[in-house]
């Protein structure tokens, strides 16, 4: 069986405080988008084997994929074996949640192949232990509001369908290192998430959405990688209604009307074609 693992972007990310356990309390608005990995899963007789098309992705028993299989077997109470093949299309360590989405898709896939022995509550408990973003991907929703570590999810019901152009540079950013530096900056205490929700709930207000984009990590990442400034500039020049760093980056996205996103994507591809290993994606809300 083959399962899709879509990427995400954060339309809103506010860092509230550092908690006693070392993690940060945040509030965020996730959107699933139409860039996705594919995971093929089938039962195996002797031992679990995981392969990936991208050699940079770890696939041993200590990897996130390996830990997902281990967690499922421990909760299920059986030592099941699988052949797992990951087709990697989401950029690695790019702020798009690829690893978390893979873990969630694998968790759901293992449960289905095993005859669905675990209920939603058990799957959610494992998802939270595997990573803060995993619970969002476990929910079949296009948009979700995340609180706590980002692992407490409320579905956001809206018919909104957004066009995006994403630019992923040829370097990675460590999420942990970015969050470790949050305390060095004065984070604003006010919240604009209510305005963001108003944009969602008021007849597909893409302009209101674009005006209320926020990411408290963006300033930190831009100080380390000022080259990203040109990404924001080119997206705006191509007509983006709003631009933002996704998660801890380094991927930057622009918001476009669906009838303009393909043209904008082609224009930006032409600009970055001379830049080695820079990747440009055109995507939309994943339904």
Protein backbone atom coordinates (compact mmCIF):
# COMPACT_ATOMS: atom_id res chain seq x y z
CA UNK A 1 0.00 0.00 0.00
CA UNK A 2 1.16 3.54 -0.79
CA UNK A 3 0.47 6.51 1.46
CA UNK A 4 0.94 10.23 0.76
CA UNK A 5 2.79 12.42 3.26
CA UNK A 6 2.15 16.10 2.42
CA UNK A 7 4.34 19.00 3.46
CA UNK A 8 3.19 21.89 5.65
CA UNK A 9 3.82 25.56 5.98
CA UNK A 10 3.17 27.77 9.00
CA UNK A 11 0.99 30.75 8.16
CA UNK A 12 1.36 32.00 11.71
CA UNK A 13 3.93 31.09 14.37
CA UNK A 14 4.14 32.90 17.67
CA UNK A 15 6.65 31.82 20.32
CA UNK A 16 5.13 32.42 23.75
CA UNK A 17 7.69 31.17 26.29
CA UNK A 18 10.28 28.57 27.09
CA UNK A 19 8.76 25.82 29.21
CA UNK A 20 10.36 23.95 32.12
CA UNK A 21 11.03 20.89 29.94
CA UNK A 22 13.15 22.96 27.55
CA UNK A 23 10.58 23.07 24.77
CA UNK A 24 8.84 26.27 23.73
CA UNK A 25 5.15 26.99 24.02
CA UNK A 26 3.87 28.27 20.70
CA UNK A 27 0.69 28.97 18.81
CA UNK A 28 0.73 28.28 15.10
CA UNK A 29 -1.52 27.91 12.10
CA UNK A 30 -0.56 24.96 9.89
CA UNK A 31 -1.50 24.47 6.25
CA UNK A 32 -0.95 21.21 4.38
CA UNK A 33 0.29 21.82 0.84
CA UNK A 34 0.51 19.75 -2.33
CA UNK A 35 4.17 18.78 -2.12
CA UNK A 36 4.38 15.28 -0.69
CA UNK A 37 6.49 12.22 -0.07
CA UNK A 38 5.18 8.75 -0.84
CA UNK A 39 5.57 5.79 1.50
CA UNK A 40 5.06 2.21 0.30
CA UNK A 41 4.47 -0.32 3.08
CA UNK A 42 4.04 -4.08 2.92
CA UNK A 43 4.38 -6.88 5.47
CA UNK A 44 7.73 -8.69 5.74
CA UNK A 45 8.52 -12.10 7.19
CA UNK A 46 11.87 -11.72 8.90
CA UNK A 47 12.80 -8.14 9.79
CA UNK A 48 11.83 -4.56 9.04
CA UNK A 49 13.74 -2.88 6.21
CA UNK A 50 13.46 0.82 5.40
CA UNK A 51 14.82 2.43 2.24
CA UNK A 52 14.74 6.01 0.99
CA UNK A 53 15.43 7.68 -2.36
CA UNK A 54 17.37 10.45 -0.57
CA UNK A 55 20.60 9.14 0.99
CA UNK A 56 20.64 12.02 3.49
CA UNK A 57 17.57 10.63 5.26
CA UNK A 58 18.48 8.14 8.03
CA UNK A 59 16.62 4.84 7.85
CA UNK A 60 18.17 2.78 10.64
CA UNK A 61 16.27 1.63 13.73
CA UNK A 62 17.19 4.84 15.57
CA UNK A 63 15.83 7.08 12.82
CA UNK A 64 12.40 8.69 13.09
CA UNK A 65 10.98 6.08 10.72
CA UNK A 66 12.61 3.28 12.72
CA UNK A 67 11.33 4.73 15.99
CA UNK A 68 7.83 4.93 14.51
CA UNK A 69 7.83 1.21 13.73
CA UNK A 70 9.19 0.44 17.21
CA UNK A 71 6.55 2.60 18.91
CA UNK A 72 3.77 0.95 16.92
CA UNK A 73 4.90 -2.57 17.78
CA UNK A 74 5.30 -1.72 21.47
CA UNK A 75 1.81 -0.24 21.68
CA UNK A 76 0.30 -3.05 19.59
CA UNK A 77 2.10 -5.69 21.65
CA UNK A 78 3.37 -7.62 18.64
CA UNK A 79 6.70 -7.80 16.83
CA UNK A 80 5.56 -7.14 13.26
CA UNK A 81 7.95 -6.65 10.35
CA UNK A 82 7.55 -4.44 7.28
CA UNK A 83 9.21 -3.41 4.03
CA UNK A 84 9.04 0.37 3.86
CA UNK A 85 10.11 2.47 0.86
CA UNK A 86 10.17 6.25 1.16
CA UNK A 87 10.10 8.37 -1.99
CA UNK A 88 11.47 11.70 -0.75
CA UNK A 89 10.19 14.82 -2.51
CA UNK A 90 9.92 17.28 0.39
CA UNK A 91 13.23 19.08 1.02
CA UNK A 92 15.09 17.89 4.12
CA UNK A 93 15.45 20.20 7.16
CA UNK A 94 13.64 22.93 5.27
CA UNK A 95 10.84 23.98 7.64
CA UNK A 96 8.23 21.99 5.73
CA UNK A 97 7.68 19.16 8.22
CA UNK A 98 8.72 16.37 5.87
CA UNK A 99 10.05 14.02 8.55
CA UNK A 100 7.03 14.57 10.78
CA UNK A 101 4.64 13.98 7.90
CA UNK A 102 6.46 10.78 6.99
CA UNK A 103 6.16 9.55 10.58
CA UNK A 104 2.44 10.31 10.68
CA UNK A 105 1.77 8.63 7.33
CA UNK A 106 3.82 5.61 8.40
CA UNK A 107 1.95 5.39 11.69
CA UNK A 108 -1.43 5.42 9.94
CA UNK A 109 -0.18 3.00 7.29
CA UNK A 110 1.15 0.47 9.80
CA UNK A 111 -2.12 0.59 11.68
CA UNK A 112 -4.14 -0.02 8.53
CA UNK A 113 -1.99 -2.90 7.34
CA UNK A 114 -2.17 -4.50 10.79
CA UNK A 115 -5.97 -4.37 10.73
CA UNK A 116 -6.35 -1.11 12.69
CA UNK A 117 -5.73 -2.50 16.19
CA UNK A 118 -5.06 0.97 17.63
CA UNK A 119 -7.67 3.70 18.07
CA UNK A 120 -7.18 7.41 17.34
CA UNK A 121 -6.24 8.16 20.94
CA UNK A 122 -3.39 5.64 20.93
CA UNK A 123 -2.10 6.93 17.59
CA UNK A 124 -2.19 10.53 18.84
CA UNK A 125 -0.28 9.60 22.00
CA UNK A 126 2.46 8.00 19.91
CA UNK A 127 2.48 10.94 17.49
CA UNK A 128 3.12 13.41 20.31
CA UNK A 129 6.02 11.30 21.57
CA UNK A 130 7.55 11.15 18.09
CA UNK A 131 7.58 14.90 17.43
CA UNK A 132 5.71 18.16 17.95
CA UNK A 133 4.49 18.44 14.33
CA UNK A 134 3.44 14.80 13.95
CA UNK A 135 -0.05 15.21 15.51
CA UNK A 136 -1.03 17.82 12.89
CA UNK A 137 -0.24 15.42 10.07
CA UNK A 138 -2.13 12.65 11.84
CA UNK A 139 -5.28 14.75 11.43
CA UNK A 140 -6.80 14.73 7.97
CA UNK A 141 -7.28 18.49 7.83
CA UNK A 142 -5.99 21.12 5.44
CA UNK A 143 -5.60 23.72 8.19
CA UNK A 144 -4.99 23.29 11.89
CA UNK A 145 -4.36 25.53 14.90
CA UNK A 146 -1.54 24.23 17.06
CA UNK A 147 -0.91 25.14 20.69
CA UNK A 148 1.32 23.79 23.46
CA UNK A 149 4.45 22.62 21.64
CA UNK A 150 2.37 22.79 18.48
CA UNK A 151 1.13 19.27 19.22
CA UNK A 152 -2.35 20.17 20.51
CA UNK A 153 -4.36 20.47 17.30
CA UNK A 154 -7.73 22.00 16.53
CA UNK A 155 -9.01 21.59 13.00
CA UNK A 156 -9.80 24.82 11.19
CA UNK A 157 -12.73 24.36 8.83
CA UNK A 158 -12.57 26.65 5.80
CA UNK A 159 -13.03 26.25 2.04
CA UNK A 160 -9.98 28.44 1.45
CA UNK A 161 -7.69 27.15 -1.32
CA UNK A 162 -4.42 29.07 -1.51
CA UNK A 163 -1.73 29.15 -4.18
CA UNK A 164 1.92 29.14 -3.13
CA UNK A 165 5.36 29.50 -4.62
CA UNK A 166 8.07 28.12 -2.34
CA UNK A 167 11.80 28.64 -2.64
CA UNK A 168 14.11 26.20 -0.89
CA UNK A 169 17.82 27.17 -0.72
CA UNK A 170 20.68 24.64 -0.80
CA UNK A 171 21.38 24.70 2.94
CA UNK A 172 19.70 23.34 6.03
CA UNK A 173 18.69 25.04 9.26
CA UNK A 174 18.66 23.33 12.66
CA UNK A 175 15.29 23.85 14.32
CA UNK A 176 16.80 23.26 17.76
CA UNK A 177 19.52 25.88 17.25
CA UNK A 178 16.98 28.45 16.09
CA UNK A 179 14.73 27.88 19.11
CA UNK A 180 17.74 27.94 21.44
CA UNK A 181 18.33 31.53 20.33
CA UNK A 182 14.76 32.73 20.78
CA UNK A 183 15.50 34.23 24.22
CA UNK A 184 18.11 36.52 22.67
CA UNK A 185 15.39 38.50 20.90
CA UNK A 186 12.52 40.56 22.21
CA UNK A 187 9.46 38.67 21.09
CA UNK A 188 6.27 40.69 20.91
CA UNK A 189 3.68 39.65 23.44
CA UNK A 190 0.61 40.64 21.48
CA UNK A 191 -1.20 38.02 19.46
CA UNK A 192 -2.65 38.49 15.99
CA UNK A 193 -4.05 35.01 15.62
CA UNK A 194 -7.60 36.30 16.07
CA UNK A 195 -7.15 38.49 13.00
CA UNK A 196 -5.78 35.51 11.12
CA UNK A 197 -8.83 33.43 12.01
CA UNK A 198 -11.10 36.29 10.99
CA UNK A 199 -9.46 36.21 7.56
CA UNK A 200 -10.18 32.49 7.31
CA UNK A 201 -13.77 32.82 8.39
CA UNK A 202 -14.70 35.84 6.29
CA UNK A 203 -15.31 34.48 2.82
CA UNK A 204 -11.85 33.34 1.76
CA UNK A 205 -10.16 36.63 2.60
CA UNK A 206 -6.74 35.93 1.13
CA UNK A 207 -5.74 39.59 1.51
CA UNK A 208 -6.58 39.54 5.23
CA UNK A 209 -4.62 36.31 5.51
CA UNK A 210 -1.58 37.80 3.82
CA UNK A 211 -1.68 40.89 6.04
CA UNK A 212 -1.54 38.79 9.22
CA UNK A 213 1.27 36.36 8.38
CA UNK A 214 3.69 36.04 11.28
CA UNK A 215 6.74 33.98 12.23
CA UNK A 216 8.71 34.89 15.35
CA UNK A 217 11.65 32.77 14.14
CA UNK A 218 12.12 34.67 10.90
CA UNK A 219 14.31 37.46 12.30
CA UNK A 220 16.68 34.93 13.86
CA UNK A 221 17.10 32.95 10.63
CA UNK A 222 17.54 36.10 8.50
CA UNK A 223 20.38 37.28 10.74
CA UNK A 224 22.23 34.04 10.04
CA UNK A 225 21.25 33.79 6.36
CA UNK A 226 20.80 37.31 4.93
CA UNK A 227 20.84 35.77 1.44
CA UNK A 228 17.17 34.92 2.06
CA UNK A 229 16.30 38.60 1.71
CA UNK A 230 16.54 38.25 -2.05
CA UNK A 231 14.00 35.41 -1.89
CA UNK A 232 11.45 37.65 -0.21
CA UNK A 233 12.19 40.37 -2.75
CA UNK A 234 11.71 38.12 -5.78
CA UNK A 235 8.46 36.68 -4.42
CA UNK A 236 7.05 40.15 -3.84
CA UNK A 237 8.23 41.26 -7.29
CA UNK A 238 6.37 38.28 -8.78
CA UNK A 239 3.16 39.50 -7.18
CA UNK A 240 2.97 37.64 -3.87
CA UNK A 241 0.28 39.02 -1.59
CA UNK A 242 2.37 38.01 1.41
CA UNK A 243 5.66 36.24 2.12
CA UNK A 244 6.96 34.33 5.12
CA UNK A 245 9.61 31.92 6.33
CA UNK A 246 8.05 28.50 6.99
CA UNK A 247 8.75 27.16 10.47
CA UNK A 248 12.44 27.45 11.29
CA UNK A 249 13.24 27.65 7.56
CA UNK A 250 15.07 28.05 5.39
CA UNK A 251 12.19 27.65 2.91
CA UNK A 252 10.33 30.86 2.13
CA UNK A 253 6.84 30.92 0.60
CA UNK A 254 4.60 33.45 -1.08
CA UNK A 255 0.81 33.59 -1.16
CA UNK A 256 -0.82 33.95 -4.58
CA UNK A 257 -4.24 33.78 -6.13
CA UNK A 258 -4.67 30.38 -7.78
CA UNK A 259 -5.07 31.90 -11.25
CA UNK A 260 -1.68 33.64 -10.95
CA UNK A 261 0.45 31.13 -9.12
CA UNK A 262 1.71 29.13 -12.13
CA UNK A 263 2.86 32.25 -13.97
CA UNK A 264 4.58 33.54 -10.86
CA UNK A 265 6.27 30.18 -10.30
CA UNK A 266 7.67 30.14 -13.82
CA UNK A 267 9.01 33.65 -13.45
CA UNK A 268 10.75 32.80 -10.19
CA UNK A 269 12.12 29.55 -11.63
CA UNK A 270 13.76 31.51 -14.41
CA UNK A 271 15.38 33.86 -11.92
CA UNK A 272 16.76 31.08 -9.73
CA UNK A 273 17.77 28.79 -12.61
CA UNK A 274 21.27 30.28 -12.47
CA UNK A 275 21.57 29.55 -8.75
CA UNK A 276 23.02 26.11 -8.06
CA UNK A 277 20.71 23.73 -6.18
CA UNK A 278 18.04 26.33 -5.37
CA UNK A 279 14.63 24.71 -5.78
CA UNK A 280 11.33 26.37 -6.66
CA UNK A 281 7.97 24.69 -6.06
CA UNK A 282 4.44 25.65 -7.03
CA UNK A 283 1.81 24.26 -4.67
CA UNK A 284 -1.67 24.81 -3.32
CA UNK A 285 -3.66 23.80 -0.26
CA UNK A 286 -3.72 20.01 0.06
CA UNK A 287 -7.31 18.85 0.51
